[in-house]
N, C-alpha and C. Protein backbone atom coordinates (compact mmCIF):
# COMPACT_ATOMS: atom_id res chain seq x y z
N MET A 1 -53.56 15.19 8.96
CA MET A 1 -52.84 14.22 9.74
C MET A 1 -52.10 13.24 8.84
N ASN A 2 -52.72 12.77 7.76
CA ASN A 2 -52.07 11.84 6.85
C ASN A 2 -50.88 12.47 6.17
N SER A 3 -50.95 13.74 5.79
CA SER A 3 -49.83 14.40 5.13
C SER A 3 -48.65 14.55 6.09
N LEU A 4 -48.91 14.78 7.38
CA LEU A 4 -47.84 14.85 8.37
C LEU A 4 -47.15 13.50 8.51
N LEU A 5 -47.91 12.43 8.53
CA LEU A 5 -47.36 11.08 8.62
C LEU A 5 -46.54 10.75 7.38
N ILE A 6 -47.03 11.13 6.22
CA ILE A 6 -46.31 10.89 4.96
C ILE A 6 -45.01 11.68 4.96
N ASN A 7 -45.05 12.97 5.35
CA ASN A 7 -43.85 13.80 5.38
C ASN A 7 -42.80 13.23 6.35
N THR A 8 -43.24 12.75 7.50
CA THR A 8 -42.31 12.17 8.48
C THR A 8 -41.69 10.89 7.91
N THR A 9 -42.47 10.08 7.27
CA THR A 9 -41.96 8.84 6.67
C THR A 9 -40.97 9.16 5.55
N VAL A 10 -41.29 10.13 4.72
CA VAL A 10 -40.39 10.54 3.63
C VAL A 10 -39.08 11.07 4.21
N MET A 11 -39.15 11.88 5.23
CA MET A 11 -37.95 12.45 5.85
C MET A 11 -37.08 11.35 6.45
N ARG A 12 -37.69 10.38 7.11
CA ARG A 12 -36.92 9.27 7.68
C ARG A 12 -36.22 8.47 6.57
N THR A 13 -36.96 8.22 5.50
CA THR A 13 -36.39 7.47 4.38
C THR A 13 -35.22 8.24 3.77
N LEU A 14 -35.38 9.53 3.57
CA LEU A 14 -34.29 10.35 3.03
C LEU A 14 -33.09 10.37 3.97
N TYR A 15 -33.34 10.45 5.27
CA TYR A 15 -32.27 10.45 6.25
C TYR A 15 -31.48 9.13 6.19
N VAL A 16 -32.19 8.02 6.13
CA VAL A 16 -31.54 6.70 6.07
C VAL A 16 -30.73 6.57 4.78
N LEU A 17 -31.29 7.01 3.67
CA LEU A 17 -30.58 6.96 2.39
C LEU A 17 -29.33 7.83 2.42
N ALA A 18 -29.45 9.04 2.94
CA ALA A 18 -28.30 9.94 3.03
C ALA A 18 -27.21 9.36 3.91
N PHE A 19 -27.58 8.81 5.05
CA PHE A 19 -26.62 8.21 5.96
C PHE A 19 -25.91 7.02 5.30
N SER A 20 -26.69 6.19 4.60
CA SER A 20 -26.12 5.03 3.91
C SER A 20 -25.15 5.46 2.82
N LEU A 21 -25.50 6.50 2.10
CA LEU A 21 -24.64 7.01 1.03
C LEU A 21 -23.34 7.55 1.60
N ILE A 22 -23.40 8.31 2.67
CA ILE A 22 -22.19 8.84 3.31
C ILE A 22 -21.32 7.70 3.82
N ALA A 23 -21.93 6.72 4.42
CA ALA A 23 -21.17 5.57 4.95
C ALA A 23 -20.49 4.80 3.83
N SER A 24 -21.18 4.64 2.70
CA SER A 24 -20.57 3.89 1.60
C SER A 24 -19.42 4.67 0.98
N PHE A 25 -19.51 6.00 0.90
CA PHE A 25 -18.41 6.79 0.36
C PHE A 25 -17.20 6.74 1.29
N SER A 26 -17.40 6.82 2.58
CA SER A 26 -16.27 6.79 3.50
C SER A 26 -15.63 5.41 3.50
N HIS A 27 -16.42 4.34 3.31
CA HIS A 27 -15.85 3.00 3.23
C HIS A 27 -15.07 2.84 1.93
N ALA A 28 -15.57 3.39 0.83
CA ALA A 28 -14.90 3.27 -0.46
C ALA A 28 -13.56 3.99 -0.47
N SER A 29 -13.38 5.01 0.35
CA SER A 29 -12.12 5.74 0.36
C SER A 29 -11.01 4.92 0.98
N GLY A 30 -11.33 3.84 1.69
CA GLY A 30 -10.32 2.99 2.29
C GLY A 30 -9.91 3.44 3.68
N HIS A 31 -10.29 4.62 4.08
CA HIS A 31 -9.86 5.15 5.36
C HIS A 31 -10.81 4.78 6.49
N ALA A 32 -12.04 4.46 6.17
CA ALA A 32 -13.01 4.19 7.23
C ALA A 32 -12.72 2.87 7.92
N SER A 33 -12.29 1.86 7.17
CA SER A 33 -12.12 0.55 7.76
C SER A 33 -10.67 0.19 8.05
N GLY A 34 -9.71 0.87 7.44
CA GLY A 34 -8.32 0.48 7.60
C GLY A 34 -7.44 1.60 8.10
N LYS A 35 -6.27 1.20 8.56
CA LYS A 35 -5.28 2.16 9.01
C LYS A 35 -4.53 2.73 7.82
N VAL A 36 -3.93 3.90 8.02
CA VAL A 36 -3.05 4.50 7.02
C VAL A 36 -1.62 4.31 7.50
N HIS A 37 -0.80 3.67 6.68
CA HIS A 37 0.60 3.41 6.98
C HIS A 37 1.45 4.30 6.08
N ILE A 38 2.52 4.83 6.61
CA ILE A 38 3.38 5.76 5.88
C ILE A 38 4.64 5.06 5.39
N VAL A 39 4.96 5.24 4.12
CA VAL A 39 6.23 4.82 3.54
C VAL A 39 6.85 6.06 2.90
N GLN A 40 8.05 6.41 3.35
CA GLN A 40 8.74 7.59 2.80
C GLN A 40 9.57 7.19 1.59
N MET A 41 9.61 8.08 0.60
CA MET A 41 10.46 7.91 -0.57
C MET A 41 11.66 8.83 -0.38
N LEU A 42 12.85 8.24 -0.26
CA LEU A 42 14.03 8.99 0.18
C LEU A 42 15.22 8.82 -0.77
N ASN A 43 16.05 9.86 -0.83
CA ASN A 43 17.32 9.78 -1.56
C ASN A 43 18.37 9.03 -0.74
N LYS A 44 18.25 9.12 0.58
CA LYS A 44 19.23 8.51 1.48
C LYS A 44 18.50 7.99 2.71
N SER A 45 18.86 6.81 3.16
CA SER A 45 18.23 6.20 4.32
C SER A 45 18.48 7.01 5.58
N THR A 46 17.49 7.09 6.43
CA THR A 46 17.66 7.74 7.73
C THR A 46 18.23 6.77 8.75
N VAL A 47 18.21 5.47 8.43
CA VAL A 47 18.71 4.43 9.31
C VAL A 47 20.17 4.11 9.00
N ASP A 48 20.48 3.96 7.73
CA ASP A 48 21.83 3.66 7.26
C ASP A 48 22.15 4.63 6.12
N THR A 49 22.86 5.70 6.43
CA THR A 49 23.08 6.77 5.45
C THR A 49 23.92 6.34 4.25
N LYS A 50 24.50 5.14 4.29
CA LYS A 50 25.22 4.62 3.13
C LYS A 50 24.26 4.10 2.07
N GLN A 51 23.03 3.81 2.50
CA GLN A 51 22.01 3.31 1.57
C GLN A 51 21.34 4.47 0.85
N LYS A 52 21.40 4.45 -0.47
CA LYS A 52 20.79 5.49 -1.29
C LYS A 52 19.55 4.96 -2.01
N MET A 53 18.67 5.85 -2.36
CA MET A 53 17.45 5.53 -3.10
C MET A 53 16.68 4.41 -2.40
N VAL A 54 15.95 4.79 -1.36
CA VAL A 54 15.26 3.81 -0.52
C VAL A 54 13.83 4.24 -0.20
N TYR A 55 13.04 3.25 0.14
CA TYR A 55 11.75 3.47 0.79
C TYR A 55 11.97 3.13 2.26
N GLU A 56 11.37 3.91 3.14
CA GLU A 56 11.41 3.57 4.57
C GLU A 56 10.02 3.62 5.13
N PRO A 57 9.57 2.47 5.68
CA PRO A 57 10.21 1.16 5.65
C PRO A 57 10.10 0.55 4.25
N SER A 58 11.02 -0.35 3.93
CA SER A 58 10.98 -0.99 2.61
C SER A 58 10.15 -2.27 2.64
N ILE A 59 9.93 -2.81 3.84
CA ILE A 59 9.05 -3.97 4.02
C ILE A 59 8.00 -3.57 5.04
N ILE A 60 6.76 -3.81 4.70
CA ILE A 60 5.69 -3.41 5.60
C ILE A 60 4.60 -4.47 5.61
N LYS A 61 4.04 -4.73 6.77
CA LYS A 61 2.95 -5.70 6.94
C LYS A 61 1.69 -4.93 7.28
N VAL A 62 0.63 -5.13 6.49
CA VAL A 62 -0.64 -4.43 6.71
C VAL A 62 -1.79 -5.43 6.63
N ASN A 63 -2.96 -4.97 6.97
CA ASN A 63 -4.18 -5.79 6.88
C ASN A 63 -4.95 -5.44 5.61
N VAL A 64 -5.78 -6.37 5.16
CA VAL A 64 -6.66 -6.09 4.03
C VAL A 64 -7.52 -4.87 4.41
N GLY A 65 -7.65 -3.93 3.49
CA GLY A 65 -8.42 -2.71 3.72
C GLY A 65 -7.56 -1.56 4.20
N ASP A 66 -6.32 -1.82 4.59
CA ASP A 66 -5.42 -0.75 5.02
C ASP A 66 -4.90 0.03 3.81
N VAL A 67 -4.42 1.22 4.09
CA VAL A 67 -3.89 2.12 3.08
C VAL A 67 -2.41 2.33 3.34
N VAL A 68 -1.60 2.29 2.29
CA VAL A 68 -0.20 2.70 2.40
C VAL A 68 -0.08 4.02 1.66
N LYS A 69 0.39 5.01 2.39
CA LYS A 69 0.61 6.33 1.80
C LYS A 69 2.10 6.49 1.53
N PHE A 70 2.45 6.58 0.25
CA PHE A 70 3.83 6.82 -0.17
C PHE A 70 4.05 8.32 -0.16
N VAL A 71 4.96 8.77 0.71
CA VAL A 71 5.19 10.20 0.91
C VAL A 71 6.46 10.62 0.18
N SER A 72 6.32 11.60 -0.68
CA SER A 72 7.45 12.11 -1.47
C SER A 72 8.31 13.03 -0.60
N THR A 73 9.05 12.43 0.33
CA THR A 73 9.89 13.19 1.25
C THR A 73 11.01 13.89 0.50
N ASP A 74 11.66 13.18 -0.41
CA ASP A 74 12.70 13.76 -1.26
C ASP A 74 12.19 13.77 -2.70
N PRO A 75 12.65 14.72 -3.51
CA PRO A 75 12.15 14.82 -4.89
C PRO A 75 12.70 13.73 -5.80
N GLY A 76 11.94 13.46 -6.87
CA GLY A 76 12.40 12.57 -7.92
C GLY A 76 11.93 11.14 -7.84
N HIS A 77 10.98 10.85 -6.95
CA HIS A 77 10.55 9.46 -6.74
C HIS A 77 9.06 9.27 -6.99
N ASN A 78 8.70 7.99 -7.19
CA ASN A 78 7.30 7.60 -7.28
C ASN A 78 7.17 6.19 -6.72
N SER A 79 5.98 5.64 -6.77
CA SER A 79 5.72 4.26 -6.38
C SER A 79 4.93 3.60 -7.50
N SER A 80 5.41 2.44 -7.90
CA SER A 80 4.76 1.70 -8.96
C SER A 80 4.82 0.21 -8.64
N SER A 81 3.71 -0.47 -8.84
CA SER A 81 3.73 -1.92 -8.61
C SER A 81 4.63 -2.59 -9.63
N VAL A 82 5.21 -3.73 -9.23
CA VAL A 82 6.10 -4.48 -10.11
C VAL A 82 5.29 -5.60 -10.78
N LYS A 83 5.39 -5.67 -12.09
CA LYS A 83 4.67 -6.69 -12.85
C LYS A 83 5.05 -8.08 -12.34
N GLY A 84 4.03 -8.91 -12.08
CA GLY A 84 4.25 -10.27 -11.60
C GLY A 84 4.35 -10.38 -10.09
N MET A 85 4.36 -9.25 -9.40
CA MET A 85 4.50 -9.27 -7.94
C MET A 85 3.24 -8.77 -7.25
N LEU A 86 2.09 -9.14 -7.81
CA LEU A 86 0.80 -8.82 -7.22
C LEU A 86 -0.02 -10.10 -7.11
N PRO A 87 -0.87 -10.19 -6.09
CA PRO A 87 -1.74 -11.37 -6.02
C PRO A 87 -2.79 -11.34 -7.13
N PRO A 88 -3.37 -12.50 -7.46
CA PRO A 88 -4.39 -12.55 -8.50
C PRO A 88 -5.54 -11.59 -8.20
N GLY A 89 -5.93 -10.81 -9.22
CA GLY A 89 -7.05 -9.90 -9.09
C GLY A 89 -6.72 -8.55 -8.47
N ALA A 90 -5.48 -8.36 -8.01
CA ALA A 90 -5.10 -7.07 -7.42
C ALA A 90 -4.84 -6.04 -8.52
N LYS A 91 -5.12 -4.78 -8.19
CA LYS A 91 -4.92 -3.69 -9.15
C LYS A 91 -3.47 -3.21 -9.09
N ASP A 92 -2.89 -3.00 -10.28
CA ASP A 92 -1.56 -2.41 -10.31
C ASP A 92 -1.68 -0.90 -10.09
N TRP A 93 -0.57 -0.24 -9.83
CA TRP A 93 -0.58 1.21 -9.62
C TRP A 93 0.72 1.83 -10.11
N ALA A 94 0.66 3.11 -10.39
CA ALA A 94 1.84 3.90 -10.74
C ALA A 94 1.53 5.35 -10.40
N SER A 95 2.27 5.88 -9.45
CA SER A 95 2.05 7.28 -9.06
C SER A 95 2.88 8.20 -9.94
N LYS A 96 2.60 9.47 -9.84
CA LYS A 96 3.38 10.49 -10.54
C LYS A 96 4.63 10.80 -9.72
N ILE A 97 5.66 11.22 -10.41
CA ILE A 97 6.91 11.62 -9.75
C ILE A 97 6.63 12.83 -8.85
N ASN A 98 7.23 12.84 -7.67
CA ASN A 98 7.15 13.95 -6.69
C ASN A 98 5.77 14.13 -6.07
N LYS A 99 4.92 13.16 -6.17
CA LYS A 99 3.57 13.28 -5.61
C LYS A 99 3.33 12.20 -4.55
N ASP A 100 2.75 12.61 -3.42
CA ASP A 100 2.29 11.63 -2.44
C ASP A 100 1.20 10.79 -3.10
N PHE A 101 1.10 9.54 -2.68
CA PHE A 101 0.18 8.62 -3.35
C PHE A 101 -0.29 7.58 -2.35
N GLU A 102 -1.55 7.23 -2.42
CA GLU A 102 -2.13 6.23 -1.53
C GLU A 102 -2.61 5.01 -2.30
N VAL A 103 -2.35 3.84 -1.72
CA VAL A 103 -2.83 2.58 -2.28
C VAL A 103 -3.62 1.86 -1.19
N THR A 104 -4.84 1.49 -1.50
CA THR A 104 -5.66 0.68 -0.59
C THR A 104 -5.51 -0.78 -1.02
N PHE A 105 -5.09 -1.61 -0.08
CA PHE A 105 -4.84 -3.02 -0.37
C PHE A 105 -6.09 -3.84 -0.05
N GLU A 106 -6.73 -4.33 -1.10
CA GLU A 106 -8.01 -5.03 -0.98
C GLU A 106 -7.89 -6.55 -1.02
N LYS A 107 -6.71 -7.06 -1.34
CA LYS A 107 -6.54 -8.51 -1.47
C LYS A 107 -5.35 -8.97 -0.64
N ASP A 108 -5.49 -10.16 -0.02
CA ASP A 108 -4.36 -10.79 0.65
C ASP A 108 -3.26 -11.04 -0.37
N GLY A 109 -2.01 -10.93 0.07
CA GLY A 109 -0.92 -11.30 -0.81
C GLY A 109 0.35 -10.51 -0.58
N THR A 110 1.31 -10.79 -1.43
CA THR A 110 2.61 -10.12 -1.43
C THR A 110 2.65 -9.18 -2.63
N TYR A 111 2.98 -7.92 -2.36
CA TYR A 111 3.02 -6.89 -3.39
C TYR A 111 4.44 -6.32 -3.47
N GLY A 112 5.04 -6.38 -4.65
CA GLY A 112 6.33 -5.73 -4.86
C GLY A 112 6.11 -4.37 -5.50
N TYR A 113 6.92 -3.39 -5.11
CA TYR A 113 6.81 -2.07 -5.71
C TYR A 113 8.18 -1.48 -5.93
N MET A 114 8.22 -0.44 -6.78
CA MET A 114 9.49 0.17 -7.15
C MET A 114 9.31 1.66 -7.44
N CYS A 115 10.43 2.36 -7.44
CA CYS A 115 10.48 3.72 -7.95
C CYS A 115 10.90 3.58 -9.41
N THR A 116 10.07 4.03 -10.32
CA THR A 116 10.33 3.82 -11.74
C THR A 116 11.70 4.36 -12.18
N PRO A 117 12.07 5.60 -11.83
CA PRO A 117 13.39 6.08 -12.27
C PRO A 117 14.58 5.44 -11.56
N HIS A 118 14.36 4.85 -10.39
CA HIS A 118 15.47 4.33 -9.59
C HIS A 118 15.41 2.82 -9.34
N TYR A 119 14.64 2.12 -10.15
CA TYR A 119 14.53 0.66 -10.02
C TYR A 119 15.90 0.00 -10.15
N GLY A 120 16.65 0.37 -11.17
CA GLY A 120 17.98 -0.20 -11.40
C GLY A 120 18.96 0.09 -10.27
N MET A 121 18.67 1.14 -9.50
CA MET A 121 19.51 1.50 -8.35
C MET A 121 19.02 0.80 -7.08
N GLY A 122 17.97 0.00 -7.20
CA GLY A 122 17.50 -0.80 -6.08
C GLY A 122 16.45 -0.16 -5.21
N MET A 123 15.76 0.86 -5.72
CA MET A 123 14.70 1.48 -4.91
C MET A 123 13.43 0.66 -5.09
N VAL A 124 13.29 -0.33 -4.20
CA VAL A 124 12.18 -1.28 -4.26
C VAL A 124 11.69 -1.57 -2.84
N GLY A 125 10.50 -2.18 -2.75
CA GLY A 125 9.96 -2.55 -1.46
C GLY A 125 8.90 -3.63 -1.59
N VAL A 126 8.46 -4.11 -0.43
CA VAL A 126 7.48 -5.20 -0.37
C VAL A 126 6.40 -4.84 0.64
N VAL A 127 5.14 -5.03 0.25
CA VAL A 127 4.01 -4.91 1.16
C VAL A 127 3.42 -6.31 1.33
N LEU A 128 3.32 -6.74 2.58
CA LEU A 128 2.73 -8.04 2.92
C LEU A 128 1.33 -7.76 3.47
N VAL A 129 0.31 -8.26 2.79
CA VAL A 129 -1.07 -7.95 3.15
C VAL A 129 -1.77 -9.21 3.64
N GLY A 130 -2.30 -9.12 4.88
CA GLY A 130 -3.08 -10.23 5.44
C GLY A 130 -2.35 -11.55 5.30
N ASN A 131 -3.02 -12.53 4.68
CA ASN A 131 -2.38 -13.82 4.39
C ASN A 131 -1.50 -13.63 3.16
N HIS A 132 -0.31 -13.13 3.38
CA HIS A 132 0.60 -12.76 2.28
C HIS A 132 1.12 -13.96 1.50
N LYS A 133 0.92 -15.17 2.01
CA LYS A 133 1.45 -16.37 1.35
C LYS A 133 0.72 -16.72 0.05
N VAL A 134 -0.41 -16.05 -0.22
CA VAL A 134 -1.22 -16.34 -1.41
C VAL A 134 -0.34 -16.39 -2.67
N ASN A 135 0.55 -15.44 -2.84
CA ASN A 135 1.41 -15.38 -4.03
C ASN A 135 2.87 -15.14 -3.65
N TYR A 136 3.22 -15.44 -2.41
CA TYR A 136 4.56 -15.14 -1.90
C TYR A 136 5.66 -15.79 -2.75
N ASP A 137 5.54 -17.08 -3.00
CA ASP A 137 6.57 -17.79 -3.76
C ASP A 137 6.69 -17.26 -5.19
N GLU A 138 5.55 -16.94 -5.80
CA GLU A 138 5.56 -16.40 -7.17
C GLU A 138 6.22 -15.02 -7.19
N ALA A 139 5.90 -14.16 -6.22
CA ALA A 139 6.50 -12.83 -6.16
C ALA A 139 8.01 -12.93 -5.92
N LYS A 140 8.38 -13.84 -5.06
CA LYS A 140 9.79 -14.05 -4.72
C LYS A 140 10.59 -14.54 -5.93
N ALA A 141 9.95 -15.29 -6.83
CA ALA A 141 10.62 -15.88 -7.98
C ALA A 141 10.80 -14.93 -9.16
N ILE A 142 10.18 -13.76 -9.12
CA ILE A 142 10.29 -12.82 -10.24
C ILE A 142 11.75 -12.38 -10.40
N LYS A 143 12.21 -12.32 -11.64
CA LYS A 143 13.59 -11.91 -11.95
C LYS A 143 13.66 -10.39 -12.02
N HIS A 144 14.76 -9.85 -11.49
CA HIS A 144 14.99 -8.40 -11.48
C HIS A 144 16.36 -8.11 -12.03
N ARG A 145 16.61 -6.84 -12.32
CA ARG A 145 17.91 -6.43 -12.84
C ARG A 145 18.54 -5.38 -11.93
N GLY A 146 19.81 -5.16 -12.16
CA GLY A 146 20.52 -4.13 -11.41
C GLY A 146 20.49 -4.40 -9.91
N LYS A 147 20.54 -3.33 -9.16
CA LYS A 147 20.55 -3.43 -7.71
C LYS A 147 19.19 -3.88 -7.15
N ALA A 148 18.13 -3.76 -7.95
CA ALA A 148 16.81 -4.24 -7.52
C ALA A 148 16.86 -5.73 -7.25
N LYS A 149 17.62 -6.46 -8.04
CA LYS A 149 17.78 -7.91 -7.83
C LYS A 149 18.32 -8.19 -6.44
N LYS A 150 19.37 -7.47 -6.05
CA LYS A 150 20.00 -7.66 -4.74
C LYS A 150 19.05 -7.27 -3.61
N ARG A 151 18.39 -6.12 -3.75
CA ARG A 151 17.52 -5.63 -2.66
C ARG A 151 16.28 -6.49 -2.47
N PHE A 152 15.68 -6.97 -3.57
CA PHE A 152 14.54 -7.87 -3.41
C PHE A 152 14.99 -9.18 -2.76
N LYS A 153 16.15 -9.70 -3.17
CA LYS A 153 16.67 -10.93 -2.57
C LYS A 153 16.88 -10.74 -1.08
N GLU A 154 17.46 -9.60 -0.67
CA GLU A 154 17.67 -9.30 0.74
C GLU A 154 16.34 -9.16 1.49
N ALA A 155 15.37 -8.51 0.86
CA ALA A 155 14.06 -8.31 1.51
C ALA A 155 13.39 -9.66 1.78
N PHE A 156 13.37 -10.53 0.77
CA PHE A 156 12.72 -11.83 0.96
C PHE A 156 13.49 -12.69 1.96
N ALA A 157 14.81 -12.59 1.97
CA ALA A 157 15.60 -13.33 2.97
C ALA A 157 15.27 -12.84 4.37
N GLN A 158 15.11 -11.53 4.51
CA GLN A 158 14.77 -10.95 5.81
C GLN A 158 13.38 -11.40 6.26
N ILE A 159 12.43 -11.42 5.35
CA ILE A 159 11.07 -11.87 5.67
C ILE A 159 11.10 -13.35 6.09
N ASP A 160 11.83 -14.16 5.32
CA ASP A 160 11.92 -15.59 5.62
C ASP A 160 12.58 -15.83 6.98
N GLU A 161 13.60 -15.05 7.29
CA GLU A 161 14.35 -15.24 8.54
C GLU A 161 13.60 -14.72 9.76
N LEU A 162 13.06 -13.53 9.65
CA LEU A 162 12.45 -12.87 10.82
C LEU A 162 10.96 -13.15 10.98
N GLY A 163 10.29 -13.51 9.91
CA GLY A 163 8.83 -13.64 9.97
C GLY A 163 8.18 -12.28 9.78
N VAL A 164 6.91 -12.26 9.52
CA VAL A 164 6.23 -11.02 9.15
C VAL A 164 5.92 -10.11 10.33
N ASP A 165 5.91 -10.62 11.54
CA ASP A 165 5.55 -9.80 12.69
C ASP A 165 6.65 -8.81 13.07
N LYS A 166 7.81 -8.92 12.49
CA LYS A 166 8.93 -8.03 12.83
C LYS A 166 8.88 -6.70 12.09
N PHE A 167 8.01 -6.59 11.12
CA PHE A 167 7.95 -5.39 10.31
C PHE A 167 6.83 -4.49 10.79
N VAL A 168 7.19 -3.53 11.60
CA VAL A 168 6.22 -2.66 12.23
C VAL A 168 6.01 -1.43 11.34
N PRO A 169 4.79 -1.20 10.87
CA PRO A 169 4.54 -0.05 10.02
C PRO A 169 4.53 1.27 10.80
N ILE A 170 4.81 2.34 10.08
CA ILE A 170 4.71 3.69 10.63
C ILE A 170 3.30 4.17 10.32
N HIS A 171 2.57 4.61 11.32
CA HIS A 171 1.19 5.04 11.12
C HIS A 171 1.09 6.55 11.02
N LYS A 172 0.11 6.98 10.27
CA LYS A 172 -0.18 8.42 10.16
C LYS A 172 -0.94 8.86 11.39
């Protein structure tokens, strides 16, 4: 009788540990607690075909814990965080060219990103996470070159004018 009680207790303990381990892995992947938002990497805009080398959407508002999946719709692009355009303590990222890539946003703030080969052509974007004002002014003040300068200026002007609720993400 005692061995049956011990075996049952051991099995319950193992079951609880296994369940806890599975739950922690699914939470660590970023998908258990947050939504997945899609950003396409494109040679030409689907909204304004005169616009070349774009992310769609180029401005996106998400919650802490959400995932942004950068989809390599057209070849030759990647996603990389822009130095100085991350909140304190946030991890930078750089995906490989032609590869889909996911970023889980763990900190409130404003995140600037770019396509490494097409930065000078203005292929840039902004992710606003939770309380994005944490580093908004600092991110907005970063100096850029080429067409990236113009597109970041336009993006921040649009955010300032419309507010953050106007940027509806595309969900997976």
